[in-house]
Amino acid sequence: MDLALCISLTPKDTSHLGDEDLAELDSPELRDAVVRSLERLGSVRVWDTTTLSPKEIAAERRPDLIFNLSEGIYGTGREAQAPALFEWLQWPYVGSDPVTLGITHDKWYTKCILDRAGIPTPRAAVIHRPLDRALGLAFPVIAKPVAEGAGKGIYDANVVDDDAALAGIVSTYLDRYRQPLLVEEFLPGREFTAAVIGNRGSFEVLPLVEIDFTAIPRSPRRVYGYDAKFTWHSTKHMLCPAQVDSGLQREIESLAIGTCEALGIRDWARVDLRLDGAGKPYVLEVNPLPGIYPELDYISCFTKSAYAAGMTFEGLVERLVRTAMERYRSDWFLPHRVGRRREDG
């Protein structure tokens, strides 16, 4: 196969960037690990969207398949940018389309669709300007930038218990992140993440990961945000397979699959969930472009689940490639098949 890896790598000069600016970008080590895995299937080219322009990528020869990990750089729809180019060129790629990527990168739009589909998600409001009235949500609440990933802008201090504290957080964060905020009722229960592989009608949920907050320092409000993921990151806080009873496991798996169906997820995604005080699971957010760091000292939840399912890192990459190829060959995907391209000239 003629394969391409599309990825957004951390630039060599990061002096002009803050720590959060780097959170969604990938390392050369991850690039090399994915390339080694793809080379088992064929030749591999690497396209770095932090250095290559859309025009330069479009000038490349058409590959058999693109393994897309591109997070993009600018804008709230940045994760959709590379796949939008591939759709325009009618080049096949691993993962969800630009519509799904654009929606799921926005926590409010995601909630709107999940709510319409009957998927339980915490009550919330989207805030565009400093608060001048109460929101009508039950405290405590947590404030988050509406369109960030990798835990950016999510900290323990974002959980507040009254209107005055919330107004202060909102004012500070609107100025800092220059985007709307999601204010969401904060659930007190256990937190899980579900790695999902597959497509419409055939999704598989890998072994669940539970976030062990006792292994995360200085987080009395039990927040799995930026500090937990990067400042104090440790494999000790990822419990996999999660110890849950069969009823709760079935409920979480059903919600994860229903979420993927509702949002039109393709090939893979990570669904994050949390329990309320009565032990009922709610979907917090969805990542159709999850991290897959493979190393033991810095591992992603998705990779942890894959290992618990008996896969190697190479096996995980190959599974995602095969899943995408099967989708392009399937009858249900026929209206969107690659290859109906108008030939110029």
C-alpha atoms as a PDB file:
ATOM      1  CA  MET A   1       0.000   0.000   0.000  1.00  0.00           C
ATOM      2  CA  ASP A   2       0.958   3.611  -0.584  1.00  0.00           C
ATOM      3  CA  LEU A   3       0.208   5.239   2.771  1.00  0.00           C
ATOM      4  CA  ALA A   4       0.480   8.751   4.183  1.00  0.00           C
ATOM      5  CA  LEU A   5       0.549   9.885   7.808  1.00  0.00           C
ATOM      6  CA  CYS A   6      -0.956  13.341   8.321  1.00  0.00           C
ATOM      7  CA  ILE A   7       0.043  14.728  11.714  1.00  0.00           C
ATOM      8  CA  SER A   8       0.510  18.063  13.505  1.00  0.00           C
ATOM      9  CA  LEU A   9       3.966  17.990  15.093  1.00  0.00           C
ATOM     10  CA  THR A  10       5.366  20.200  17.828  1.00  0.00           C
ATOM     11  CA  PRO A  11       7.555  22.826  16.099  1.00  0.00           C
ATOM     12  CA  LYS A  12      11.270  22.914  16.801  1.00  0.00           C
ATOM     13  CA  ASP A  13      11.075  26.495  18.073  1.00  0.00           C
ATOM     14  CA  THR A  14       8.492  26.680  20.848  1.00  0.00           C
ATOM     15  CA  SER A  15       9.769  29.870  22.494  1.00  0.00           C
ATOM     16  CA  HIS A  16       6.713  31.816  21.317  1.00  0.00           C
ATOM     17  CA  LEU A  17       4.245  29.213  22.609  1.00  0.00           C
ATOM     18  CA  GLY A  18       2.854  28.465  26.057  1.00  0.00           C
ATOM     19  CA  ASP A  19       2.479  24.997  27.546  1.00  0.00           C
ATOM     20  CA  GLU A  20      -1.203  24.760  26.641  1.00  0.00           C
ATOM     21  CA  ASP A  21      -0.428  25.741  23.043  1.00  0.00           C
ATOM     22  CA  LEU A  22       1.594  22.538  22.721  1.00  0.00           C
ATOM     23  CA  ALA A  23      -0.892  20.180  24.370  1.00  0.00           C
ATOM     24  CA  GLU A  24      -2.663  18.996  21.211  1.00  0.00           C
ATOM     25  CA  LEU A  25       0.461  18.759  19.038  1.00  0.00           C
ATOM     26  CA  ASP A  26       2.236  15.431  18.616  1.00  0.00           C
ATOM     27  CA  SER A  27       5.842  14.432  19.194  1.00  0.00           C
ATOM     28  CA  PRO A  28       8.412  13.047  16.754  1.00  0.00           C
ATOM     29  CA  GLU A  29       8.393   9.884  18.901  1.00  0.00           C
ATOM     30  CA  LEU A  30       4.717   9.295  18.161  1.00  0.00           C
ATOM     31  CA  ARG A  31       5.296  10.024  14.480  1.00  0.00           C
ATOM     32  CA  ASP A  32       8.080   7.453  14.367  1.00  0.00           C
ATOM     33  CA  ALA A  33       6.009   4.831  16.192  1.00  0.00           C
ATOM     34  CA  VAL A  34       3.098   5.222  13.782  1.00  0.00           C
ATOM     35  CA  VAL A  35       5.408   5.214  10.747  1.00  0.00           C
ATOM     36  CA  ARG A  36       7.049   1.979  11.907  1.00  0.00           C
ATOM     37  CA  SER A  37       3.609   0.435  12.320  1.00  0.00           C
ATOM     38  CA  LEU A  38       2.390   1.595   8.920  1.00  0.00           C
ATOM     39  CA  GLU A  39       5.569   0.371   7.220  1.00  0.00           C
ATOM     40  CA  ARG A  40       4.405  -3.158   7.983  1.00  0.00           C
ATOM     41  CA  LEU A  41       1.631  -2.483   5.464  1.00  0.00           C
ATOM     42  CA  GLY A  42       3.503  -0.527   2.777  1.00  0.00           C
ATOM     43  CA  SER A  43       5.440   2.633   2.010  1.00  0.00           C
ATOM     44  CA  VAL A  44       4.760   5.714   4.132  1.00  0.00           C
ATOM     45  CA  ARG A  45       4.942   9.460   3.547  1.00  0.00           C
ATOM     46  CA  VAL A  46       4.615  11.986   6.393  1.00  0.00           C
ATOM     47  CA  TRP A  47       2.708  15.253   6.031  1.00  0.00           C
ATOM     48  CA  ASP A  48       3.175  17.693   8.927  1.00  0.00           C
ATOM     49  CA  THR A  49       0.372  20.249   8.934  1.00  0.00           C
ATOM     50  CA  THR A  50       2.388  22.643  11.111  1.00  0.00           C
ATOM     51  CA  THR A  51       4.863  23.131   8.253  1.00  0.00           C
ATOM     52  CA  LEU A  52       3.041  22.105   5.054  1.00  0.00           C
ATOM     53  CA  SER A  53       0.321  24.221   3.481  1.00  0.00           C
ATOM     54  CA  PRO A  54      -2.890  22.737   2.032  1.00  0.00           C
ATOM     55  CA  LYS A  55      -1.540  23.585  -1.425  1.00  0.00           C
ATOM     56  CA  GLU A  56       1.623  21.559  -0.774  1.00  0.00           C
ATOM     57  CA  ILE A  57      -0.325  18.542   0.477  1.00  0.00           C
ATOM     58  CA  ALA A  58      -2.735  18.736  -2.469  1.00  0.00           C
ATOM     59  CA  ALA A  59       0.259  18.650  -4.841  1.00  0.00           C
ATOM     60  CA  GLU A  60       1.234  15.199  -3.515  1.00  0.00           C
ATOM     61  CA  ARG A  61       0.263  12.068  -5.432  1.00  0.00           C
ATOM     62  CA  ARG A  62      -2.924  10.417  -4.267  1.00  0.00           C
ATOM     63  CA  PRO A  63      -2.212   7.726  -1.615  1.00  0.00           C
ATOM     64  CA  ASP A  64      -4.148   4.515  -1.110  1.00  0.00           C
ATOM     65  CA  LEU A  65      -5.028   5.660   2.418  1.00  0.00           C
ATOM     66  CA  ILE A  66      -4.160   8.487   4.797  1.00  0.00           C
ATOM     67  CA  PHE A  67      -3.716   7.808   8.524  1.00  0.00           C
ATOM     68  CA  ASN A  68      -5.042  11.095   9.857  1.00  0.00           C
ATOM     69  CA  LEU A  69      -3.825  12.416  13.214  1.00  0.00           C
ATOM     70  CA  SER A  70      -3.835  16.102  12.238  1.00  0.00           C
ATOM     71  CA  GLU A  71      -5.089  18.338  15.046  1.00  0.00           C
ATOM     72  CA  GLY A  72      -4.749  21.496  12.977  1.00  0.00           C
ATOM     73  CA  ILE A  73      -3.348  24.764  14.280  1.00  0.00           C
ATOM     74  CA  TYR A  74      -5.836  27.640  14.130  1.00  0.00           C
ATOM     75  CA  GLY A  75      -9.557  28.068  14.672  1.00  0.00           C
ATOM     76  CA  THR A  76     -12.264  26.189  16.527  1.00  0.00           C
ATOM     77  CA  GLY A  77     -12.747  23.865  13.530  1.00  0.00           C
ATOM     78  CA  ARG A  78      -9.061  23.042  13.209  1.00  0.00           C
ATOM     79  CA  GLU A  79      -9.451  19.259  13.537  1.00  0.00           C
ATOM     80  CA  ALA A  80     -11.711  19.310  10.468  1.00  0.00           C
ATOM     81  CA  GLN A  81      -9.281  21.162   8.216  1.00  0.00           C
ATOM     82  CA  ALA A  82      -7.108  18.297   6.927  1.00  0.00           C
ATOM     83  CA  PRO A  83     -10.059  15.909   6.391  1.00  0.00           C
ATOM     84  CA  ALA A  84     -11.918  18.689   4.544  1.00  0.00           C
ATOM     85  CA  LEU A  85      -8.973  18.890   2.144  1.00  0.00           C
ATOM     86  CA  PHE A  86      -9.004  15.112   1.713  1.00  0.00           C
ATOM     87  CA  GLU A  87     -12.746  15.166   1.014  1.00  0.00           C
ATOM     88  CA  TRP A  88     -12.246  17.881  -1.600  1.00  0.00           C
ATOM     89  CA  LEU A  89      -9.528  15.813  -3.275  1.00  0.00           C
ATOM     90  CA  GLN A  90     -11.511  12.570  -2.741  1.00  0.00           C
ATOM     91  CA  TRP A  91      -8.590  10.888  -1.019  1.00  0.00           C
ATOM     92  CA  PRO A  92      -9.429   8.114   1.481  1.00  0.00           C
ATOM     93  CA  TYR A  93      -8.427   8.540   5.119  1.00  0.00           C
ATOM     94  CA  VAL A  94      -8.794   6.966   8.551  1.00  0.00           C
ATOM     95  CA  GLY A  95     -11.316   8.609  10.837  1.00  0.00           C
ATOM     96  CA  SER A  96     -14.371  10.815  10.940  1.00  0.00           C
ATOM     97  CA  ASP A  97     -15.365  13.357   8.331  1.00  0.00           C
ATOM     98  CA  PRO A  98     -15.091  17.164   8.691  1.00  0.00           C
ATOM     99  CA  VAL A  99     -18.699  17.545   9.827  1.00  0.00           C
ATOM    100  CA  THR A 100     -18.291  15.182  12.778  1.00  0.00           C
ATOM    101  CA  LEU A 101     -14.859  16.561  13.659  1.00  0.00           C
ATOM    102  CA  GLY A 102     -16.136  20.132  13.600  1.00  0.00           C
ATOM    103  CA  ILE A 103     -19.157  19.348  15.761  1.00  0.00           C
ATOM    104  CA  THR A 104     -17.363  17.235  18.357  1.00  0.00           C
ATOM    105  CA  HIS A 105     -14.600  19.813  18.829  1.00  0.00           C
ATOM    106  CA  ASP A 106     -17.342  22.118  20.105  1.00  0.00           C
ATOM    107  CA  LYS A 107     -18.625  20.819  23.437  1.00  0.00           C
ATOM    108  CA  TRP A 108     -21.925  22.708  23.176  1.00  0.00           C
ATOM    109  CA  TYR A 109     -22.843  21.460  19.699  1.00  0.00           C
ATOM    110  CA  THR A 110     -21.939  17.943  20.821  1.00  0.00           C
ATOM    111  CA  LYS A 111     -24.297  18.242  23.784  1.00  0.00           C
ATOM    112  CA  CYS A 112     -27.125  19.513  21.600  1.00  0.00           C
ATOM    113  CA  ILE A 113     -26.931  16.455  19.357  1.00  0.00           C
ATOM    114  CA  LEU A 114     -26.561  14.014  22.241  1.00  0.00           C
ATOM    115  CA  ASP A 115     -29.531  15.548  24.030  1.00  0.00           C
ATOM    116  CA  ARG A 116     -31.684  15.271  20.890  1.00  0.00           C
ATOM    117  CA  ALA A 117     -30.607  11.623  20.521  1.00  0.00           C
ATOM    118  CA  GLY A 118     -31.596  10.835  24.104  1.00  0.00           C
ATOM    119  CA  ILE A 119     -28.016  10.347  25.309  1.00  0.00           C
ATOM    120  CA  PRO A 120     -27.706  11.608  28.922  1.00  0.00           C
ATOM    121  CA  THR A 121     -25.236  14.476  29.266  1.00  0.00           C
ATOM    122  CA  PRO A 122     -24.923  16.982  32.154  1.00  0.00           C
ATOM    123  CA  ARG A 123     -27.108  20.094  31.965  1.00  0.00           C
ATOM    124  CA  ALA A 124     -25.131  23.043  30.656  1.00  0.00           C
ATOM    125  CA  ALA A 125     -25.182  26.509  29.122  1.00  0.00           C
ATOM    126  CA  VAL A 126     -22.896  28.202  26.625  1.00  0.00           C
ATOM    127  CA  ILE A 127     -21.606  31.652  27.633  1.00  0.00           C
ATOM    128  CA  HIS A 128     -20.488  34.315  25.137  1.00  0.00           C
ATOM    129  CA  ARG A 129     -20.092  37.343  27.437  1.00  0.00           C
ATOM    130  CA  PRO A 130     -19.581  38.101  31.145  1.00  0.00           C
ATOM    131  CA  LEU A 131     -22.462  36.893  33.274  1.00  0.00           C
ATOM    132  CA  ASP A 132     -25.153  39.357  34.240  1.00  0.00           C
ATOM    133  CA  ARG A 133     -27.689  36.831  35.502  1.00  0.00           C
ATOM    134  CA  ALA A 134     -27.912  33.381  37.067  1.00  0.00           C
ATOM    135  CA  LEU A 135     -27.870  30.425  34.662  1.00  0.00           C
ATOM    136  CA  GLY A 136     -30.365  28.247  36.508  1.00  0.00           C
ATOM    137  CA  LEU A 137     -27.917  25.338  36.774  1.00  0.00           C
ATOM    138  CA  ALA A 138     -27.429  23.348  39.967  1.00  0.00           C
ATOM    139  CA  PHE A 139     -24.149  24.053  41.750  1.00  0.00           C
ATOM    140  CA  PRO A 140     -21.400  22.962  41.747  1.00  0.00           C
ATOM    141  CA  VAL A 141     -20.663  23.714  38.095  1.00  0.00           C
ATOM    142  CA  ILE A 142     -17.505  23.558  36.009  1.00  0.00           C
ATOM    143  CA  ALA A 143     -16.501  26.104  33.349  1.00  0.00           C
ATOM    144  CA  LYS A 144     -14.573  24.973  30.248  1.00  0.00           C
ATOM    145  CA  PRO A 145     -13.497  26.600  26.968  1.00  0.00           C
ATOM    146  CA  VAL A 146     -16.086  25.343  24.505  1.00  0.00           C
ATOM    147  CA  ALA A 147     -13.679  24.327  21.727  1.00  0.00           C
ATOM    148  CA  GLU A 148     -10.402  23.039  23.150  1.00  0.00           C
ATOM    149  CA  GLY A 149      -8.944  19.561  23.494  1.00  0.00           C
ATOM    150  CA  ALA A 150      -6.338  17.776  25.638  1.00  0.00           C
ATOM    151  CA  GLY A 151      -7.778  19.227  28.849  1.00  0.00           C
ATOM    152  CA  LYS A 152      -6.786  22.776  27.879  1.00  0.00           C
ATOM    153  CA  GLY A 153      -8.437  25.342  30.113  1.00  0.00           C
ATOM    154  CA  ILE A 154      -9.859  22.718  32.482  1.00  0.00           C
ATOM    155  CA  TYR A 155      -8.540  22.943  36.051  1.00  0.00           C
ATOM    156  CA  ASP A 156      -9.625  22.070  39.573  1.00  0.00           C
ATOM    157  CA  ALA A 157     -10.307  25.734  40.294  1.00  0.00           C
ATOM    158  CA  ASN A 158     -12.892  25.823  37.492  1.00  0.00           C
ATOM    159  CA  VAL A 159     -15.357  23.980  39.738  1.00  0.00           C
ATOM    160  CA  VAL A 160     -17.325  26.631  41.645  1.00  0.00           C
ATOM    161  CA  ASP A 161     -20.176  26.639  44.138  1.00  0.00           C
ATOM    162  CA  ASP A 162     -21.926  29.990  43.709  1.00  0.00           C
ATOM    163  CA  ASP A 163     -22.824  32.693  41.186  1.00  0.00           C
ATOM    164  CA  ALA A 164     -20.134  35.134  42.316  1.00  0.00           C
ATOM    165  CA  ALA A 165     -17.298  32.631  41.866  1.00  0.00           C
ATOM    166  CA  LEU A 166     -18.727  31.552  38.504  1.00  0.00           C
ATOM    167  CA  ALA A 167     -18.912  35.157  37.271  1.00  0.00           C
ATOM    168  CA  GLY A 168     -15.229  35.613  38.125  1.00  0.00           C
ATOM    169  CA  ILE A 169     -14.167  32.453  36.274  1.00  0.00           C
ATOM    170  CA  VAL A 170     -16.256  33.360  33.226  1.00  0.00           C
ATOM    171  CA  SER A 171     -14.837  36.874  32.984  1.00  0.00           C
ATOM    172  CA  THR A 172     -11.243  35.622  33.274  1.00  0.00           C
ATOM    173  CA  TYR A 173     -11.645  32.764  30.806  1.00  0.00           C
ATOM    174  CA  LEU A 174     -13.509  34.693  28.121  1.00  0.00           C
ATOM    175  CA  ASP A 175     -10.579  37.083  28.021  1.00  0.00           C
ATOM    176  CA  ARG A 176      -7.920  34.348  28.195  1.00  0.00           C
ATOM    177  CA  TYR A 177      -9.282  31.894  25.610  1.00  0.00           C
ATOM    178  CA  ARG A 178     -11.124  34.281  23.291  1.00  0.00           C
ATOM    179  CA  GLN A 179     -13.962  31.816  22.754  1.00  0.00           C
ATOM    180  CA  PRO A 180     -17.290  30.961  24.410  1.00  0.00           C
ATOM    181  CA  LEU A 181     -17.339  28.914  27.599  1.00  0.00           C
ATOM    182  CA  LEU A 182     -19.354  25.859  28.466  1.00  0.00           C
ATOM    183  CA  VAL A 183     -20.719  25.928  32.007  1.00  0.00           C
ATOM    184  CA  GLU A 184     -21.832  22.450  33.012  1.00  0.00           C
ATOM    185  CA  GLU A 185     -23.319  20.874  36.124  1.00  0.00           C
ATOM    186  CA  PHE A 186     -20.457  19.026  37.827  1.00  0.00           C
ATOM    187  CA  LEU A 187     -21.100  15.366  38.559  1.00  0.00           C
ATOM    188  CA  PRO A 188     -19.556  13.926  41.752  1.00  0.00           C
ATOM    189  CA  GLY A 189     -19.107  10.300  40.698  1.00  0.00           C
ATOM    190  CA  ARG A 190     -16.514   8.070  39.061  1.00  0.00           C
ATOM    191  CA  GLU A 191     -15.077   8.977  35.646  1.00  0.00           C
ATOM    192  CA  PHE A 192     -14.499   6.585  32.733  1.00  0.00           C
ATOM    193  CA  THR A 193     -13.310   6.693  29.170  1.00  0.00           C
ATOM    194  CA  ALA A 194     -14.457   4.265  26.501  1.00  0.00           C
ATOM    195  CA  ALA A 195     -12.307   3.544  23.436  1.00  0.00           C
ATOM    196  CA  VAL A 196     -14.493   2.637  20.468  1.00  0.00           C
ATOM    197  CA  ILE A 197     -13.471   1.122  17.123  1.00  0.00           C
ATOM    198  CA  GLY A 198     -15.777   0.501  14.181  1.00  0.00           C
ATOM    199  CA  ASN A 199     -18.499   2.092  12.122  1.00  0.00           C
ATOM    200  CA  ARG A 200     -22.260   2.442  12.014  1.00  0.00           C
ATOM    201  CA  GLY A 201     -23.886  -0.761  13.171  1.00  0.00           C
ATOM    202  CA  SER A 202     -20.620  -2.467  14.103  1.00  0.00           C
ATOM    203  CA  PHE A 203     -18.933  -0.526  16.910  1.00  0.00           C
ATOM    204  CA  GLU A 204     -16.783  -2.350  19.469  1.00  0.00           C
ATOM    205  CA  VAL A 205     -15.988  -0.906  22.886  1.00  0.00           C
ATOM    206  CA  LEU A 206     -12.525  -1.851  24.175  1.00  0.00           C
ATOM    207  CA  PRO A 207     -11.875  -2.425  27.918  1.00  0.00           C
ATOM    208  CA  LEU A 208     -12.930   0.627  29.909  1.00  0.00           C
ATOM    209  CA  VAL A 209     -10.462   2.968  31.610  1.00  0.00           C
ATOM    210  CA  GLU A 210     -11.352   4.493  34.976  1.00  0.00           C
ATOM    211  CA  ILE A 211      -9.623   7.671  36.147  1.00  0.00           C
ATOM    212  CA  ASP A 212      -8.269   7.062  39.652  1.00  0.00           C
ATOM    213  CA  PHE A 213      -8.368  10.520  41.241  1.00  0.00           C
ATOM    214  CA  THR A 214      -6.499   9.304  44.321  1.00  0.00           C
ATOM    215  CA  ALA A 215      -3.422   9.068  42.072  1.00  0.00           C
ATOM    216  CA  ILE A 216      -3.769  12.680  40.870  1.00  0.00           C
ATOM    217  CA  PRO A 217      -2.182  15.190  43.296  1.00  0.00           C
ATOM    218  CA  ARG A 218      -3.832  18.431  44.375  1.00  0.00           C
ATOM    219  CA  SER A 219      -7.205  17.700  42.804  1.00  0.00           C
ATOM    220  CA  PRO A 220      -9.753  17.773  45.629  1.00  0.00           C
ATOM    221  CA  ARG A 221     -12.585  18.451  43.164  1.00  0.00           C
ATOM    222  CA  ARG A 222     -11.633  15.357  41.110  1.00  0.00           C
ATOM    223  CA  VAL A 223     -11.091  17.089  37.775  1.00  0.00           C
ATOM    224  CA  TYR A 224      -9.433  15.261  34.874  1.00  0.00           C
ATOM    225  CA  GLY A 225      -8.082  18.345  33.111  1.00  0.00           C
ATOM    226  CA  TYR A 226      -4.839  19.850  31.896  1.00  0.00           C
ATOM    227  CA  ASP A 227      -2.821  19.353  35.092  1.00  0.00           C
ATOM    228  CA  ALA A 228      -3.889  15.715  35.433  1.00  0.00           C
ATOM    229  CA  LYS A 229      -3.053  14.995  31.793  1.00  0.00           C
ATOM    230  CA  PHE A 230       0.232  16.876  31.508  1.00  0.00           C
ATOM    231  CA  THR A 231       1.581  18.521  34.682  1.00  0.00           C
ATOM    232  CA  TRP A 232       1.164  15.456  36.904  1.00  0.00           C
ATOM    233  CA  HIS A 233       0.688  12.795  34.247  1.00  0.00           C
ATOM    234  CA  SER A 234       1.195   9.236  35.424  1.00  0.00           C
ATOM    235  CA  THR A 235       0.069   5.857  34.190  1.00  0.00           C
ATOM    236  CA  LYS A 236      -1.020   5.133  37.777  1.00  0.00           C
ATOM    237  CA  HIS A 237      -4.253   7.086  37.396  1.00  0.00           C
ATOM    238  CA  MET A 238      -5.492   4.934  34.469  1.00  0.00           C
ATOM    239  CA  LEU A 239      -7.173   1.802  35.784  1.00  0.00           C
ATOM    240  CA  CYS A 240      -7.777  -0.634  32.938  1.00  0.00           C
ATOM    241  CA  PRO A 241      -9.776  -2.768  32.710  1.00  0.00           C
ATOM    242  CA  ALA A 242     -11.975  -0.699  35.020  1.00  0.00           C
ATOM    243  CA  GLN A 243     -13.522  -2.615  37.893  1.00  0.00           C
ATOM    244  CA  VAL A 244     -17.260  -2.210  37.316  1.00  0.00           C
ATOM    245  CA  ASP A 245     -20.204  -4.520  37.692  1.00  0.00           C
ATOM    246  CA  SER A 246     -21.685  -6.046  34.558  1.00  0.00           C
ATOM    247  CA  GLY A 247     -24.764  -3.809  34.613  1.00  0.00           C
ATOM    248  CA  LEU A 248     -22.797  -0.571  34.719  1.00  0.00           C
ATOM    249  CA  GLN A 249     -20.394  -1.849  32.083  1.00  0.00           C
ATOM    250  CA  ARG A 250     -23.246  -2.641  29.703  1.00  0.00           C
ATOM    251  CA  GLU A 251     -24.778   0.785  30.347  1.00  0.00           C
ATOM    252  CA  ILE A 252     -21.505   2.614  29.655  1.00  0.00           C
ATOM    253  CA  GLU A 253     -20.829   0.559  26.527  1.00  0.00           C
ATOM    254  CA  SER A 254     -24.364   1.196  25.264  1.00  0.00           C
ATOM    255  CA  LEU A 255     -23.986   4.941  25.811  1.00  0.00           C
ATOM    256  CA  ALA A 256     -20.590   4.979  24.061  1.00  0.00           C
ATOM    257  CA  ILE A 257     -21.990   3.168  21.024  1.00  0.00           C
ATOM    258  CA  GLY A 258     -25.141   5.316  20.970  1.00  0.00           C
ATOM    259  CA  THR A 259     -22.957   8.418  21.116  1.00  0.00           C
ATOM    260  CA  CYS A 260     -20.893   7.263  18.141  1.00  0.00           C
ATOM    261  CA  GLU A 261     -24.039   6.452  16.171  1.00  0.00           C
ATOM    262  CA  ALA A 262     -25.614   9.837  16.946  1.00  0.00           C
ATOM    263  CA  LEU A 263     -22.524  11.808  15.925  1.00  0.00           C
ATOM    264  CA  GLY A 264     -21.658   9.816  12.797  1.00  0.00           C
ATOM    265  CA  ILE A 265     -18.301   8.639  14.151  1.00  0.00           C
ATOM    266  CA  ARG A 266     -16.143   6.789  11.646  1.00  0.00           C
ATOM    267  CA  ASP A 267     -13.495   4.189  12.498  1.00  0.00           C
ATOM    268  CA  TRP A 268     -12.591   5.242  16.051  1.00  0.00           C
ATOM    269  CA  ALA A 269     -13.274   7.596  18.923  1.00  0.00           C
ATOM    270  CA  ARG A 270     -12.941   8.039  22.668  1.00  0.00           C
ATOM    271  CA  VAL A 271     -16.059   8.746  24.713  1.00  0.00           C
ATOM    272  CA  ASP A 272     -15.614  10.275  28.195  1.00  0.00           C
ATOM    273  CA  LEU A 273     -18.290   9.625  30.820  1.00  0.00           C
ATOM    274  CA  ARG A 274     -18.934  10.410  34.472  1.00  0.00           C
ATOM    275  CA  LEU A 275     -21.391   9.129  37.067  1.00  0.00           C
ATOM    276  CA  ASP A 276     -23.808  11.274  39.031  1.00  0.00           C
ATOM    277  CA  GLY A 277     -24.430  10.859  42.754  1.00  0.00           C
ATOM    278  CA  ALA A 278     -26.793   7.955  42.101  1.00  0.00           C
ATOM    279  CA  GLY A 279     -24.304   6.104  39.908  1.00  0.00           C
ATOM    280  CA  LYS A 280     -25.959   6.949  36.562  1.00  0.00           C
ATOM    281  CA  PRO A 281     -23.483   7.533  33.683  1.00  0.00           C
ATOM    282  CA  TYR A 282     -23.532  10.708  31.585  1.00  0.00           C
ATOM    283  CA  VAL A 283     -21.474  11.494  28.487  1.00  0.00           C
ATOM    284  CA  LEU A 284     -19.124  14.462  29.029  1.00  0.00           C
ATOM    285  CA  GLU A 285     -17.545  14.743  25.603  1.00  0.00           C
ATOM    286  CA  VAL A 286     -16.375  12.828  22.552  1.00  0.00           C
ATOM    287  CA  ASN A 287     -12.991  12.807  20.827  1.00  0.00           C
ATOM    288  CA  PRO A 288     -13.002  11.300  17.314  1.00  0.00           C
ATOM    289  CA  LEU A 289      -9.270  12.043  17.028  1.00  0.00           C
ATOM    290  CA  PRO A 290      -7.940  10.597  20.309  1.00  0.00           C
ATOM    291  CA  GLY A 291      -4.317  10.458  21.353  1.00  0.00           C
ATOM    292  CA  ILE A 292      -2.478   7.165  20.896  1.00  0.00           C
ATOM    293  CA  TYR A 293       0.826   7.732  22.662  1.00  0.00           C
ATOM    294  CA  PRO A 294       2.336   4.254  23.084  1.00  0.00           C
ATOM    295  CA  GLU A 295       5.064   4.600  25.705  1.00  0.00           C
ATOM    296  CA  LEU A 296       4.795   3.219  29.213  1.00  0.00           C
ATOM    297  CA  ASP A 297       5.829   6.539  30.802  1.00  0.00           C
ATOM    298  CA  TYR A 298       3.346   8.550  28.725  1.00  0.00           C
ATOM    299  CA  ILE A 299       0.441   6.550  27.407  1.00  0.00           C
ATOM    300  CA  SER A 300      -2.940   7.633  26.088  1.00  0.00           C
ATOM    301  CA  CYS A 301      -6.193   6.225  27.439  1.00  0.00           C
ATOM    302  CA  PHE A 302      -7.051   4.821  24.004  1.00  0.00           C
ATOM    303  CA  THR A 303      -3.753   2.965  23.771  1.00  0.00           C
ATOM    304  CA  LYS A 304      -4.161   1.677  27.322  1.00  0.00           C
ATOM    305  CA  SER A 305      -7.526   0.199  26.328  1.00  0.00           C
ATOM    306  CA  ALA A 306      -6.076  -1.367  23.191  1.00  0.00           C
ATOM    307  CA  TYR A 307      -3.291  -3.016  25.176  1.00  0.00           C
ATOM    308  CA  ALA A 308      -5.844  -4.361  27.662  1.00  0.00           C
ATOM    309  CA  ALA A 309      -7.731  -5.824  24.689  1.00  0.00           C
ATOM    310  CA  GLY A 310      -4.594  -7.759  23.725  1.00  0.00           C
ATOM    311  CA  MET A 311      -3.349  -5.533  20.903  1.00  0.00           C
ATOM    312  CA  THR A 312       0.172  -4.302  20.348  1.00  0.00           C
ATOM    313  CA  PHE A 313       0.698  -0.712  19.201  1.00  0.00           C
ATOM    314  CA  GLU A 314       1.386  -1.994  15.702  1.00  0.00           C
ATOM    315  CA  GLY A 315      -1.759  -4.089  15.896  1.00  0.00           C
ATOM    316  CA  LEU A 316      -3.820  -1.063  16.915  1.00  0.00           C
ATOM    317  CA  VAL A 317      -2.579   1.004  13.970  1.00  0.00           C
ATOM    318  CA  GLU A 318      -3.216  -1.877  11.571  1.00  0.00           C
ATOM    319  CA  ARG A 319      -6.709  -2.409  13.047  1.00  0.00           C
ATOM    320  CA  LEU A 320      -7.588   1.231  12.358  1.00  0.00           C
ATOM    321  CA  VAL A 321      -6.268   0.996   8.804  1.00  0.00           C
ATOM    322  CA  ARG A 322      -8.281  -2.174   8.136  1.00  0.00           C
ATOM    323  CA  THR A 323     -11.394  -0.631   9.700  1.00  0.00           C
ATOM    324  CA  ALA A 324     -11.199   2.384   7.374  1.00  0.00           C
ATOM    325  CA  MET A 325     -10.539   0.223   4.314  1.00  0.00           C
ATOM    326  CA  GLU A 326     -13.530  -1.986   5.109  1.00  0.00           C
ATOM    327  CA  ARG A 327     -15.689   1.146   5.420  1.00  0.00           C
ATOM    328  CA  TYR A 328     -14.673   2.394   1.985  1.00  0.00           C
ATOM    329  CA  ARG A 329     -15.492  -1.017   0.492  1.00  0.00           C
ATOM    330  CA  SER A 330     -18.806  -1.454   2.307  1.00  0.00           C
ATOM    331  CA  ASP A 331     -22.235  -1.231   0.679  1.00  0.00           C
ATOM    332  CA  TRP A 332     -23.582   1.173   3.303  1.00  0.00           C
ATOM    333  CA  PHE A 333     -20.782   3.638   2.533  1.00  0.00           C
ATOM    334  CA  LEU A 334     -21.391   3.426  -1.217  1.00  0.00           C
ATOM    335  CA  PRO A 335     -22.786   6.975  -1.695  1.00  0.00           C
ATOM    336  CA  HIS A 336     -19.557   8.413  -0.271  1.00  0.00           C
ATOM    337  CA  ARG A 337     -17.063   6.146  -1.959  1.00  0.00           C
ATOM    338  CA  VAL A 338     -13.739   7.594  -3.034  1.00  0.00           C
ATOM    339  CA  GLY A 339     -13.035   7.424  -6.743  1.00  0.00           C
ATOM    340  CA  ARG A 340     -15.898   9.412  -8.276  1.00  0.00           C
ATOM    341  CA  ARG A 341     -13.553  12.271  -8.924  1.00  0.00           C
ATOM    342  CA  ARG A 342     -13.942  14.608 -11.881  1.00  0.00           C
ATOM    343  CA  GLU A 343     -10.760  14.351 -13.912  1.00  0.00           C
ATOM    344  CA  ASP A 344      -9.492  17.740 -15.030  1.00  0.00           C
ATOM    345  CA  GLY A 345      -8.161  18.305 -18.525  1.00  0.00           C
END
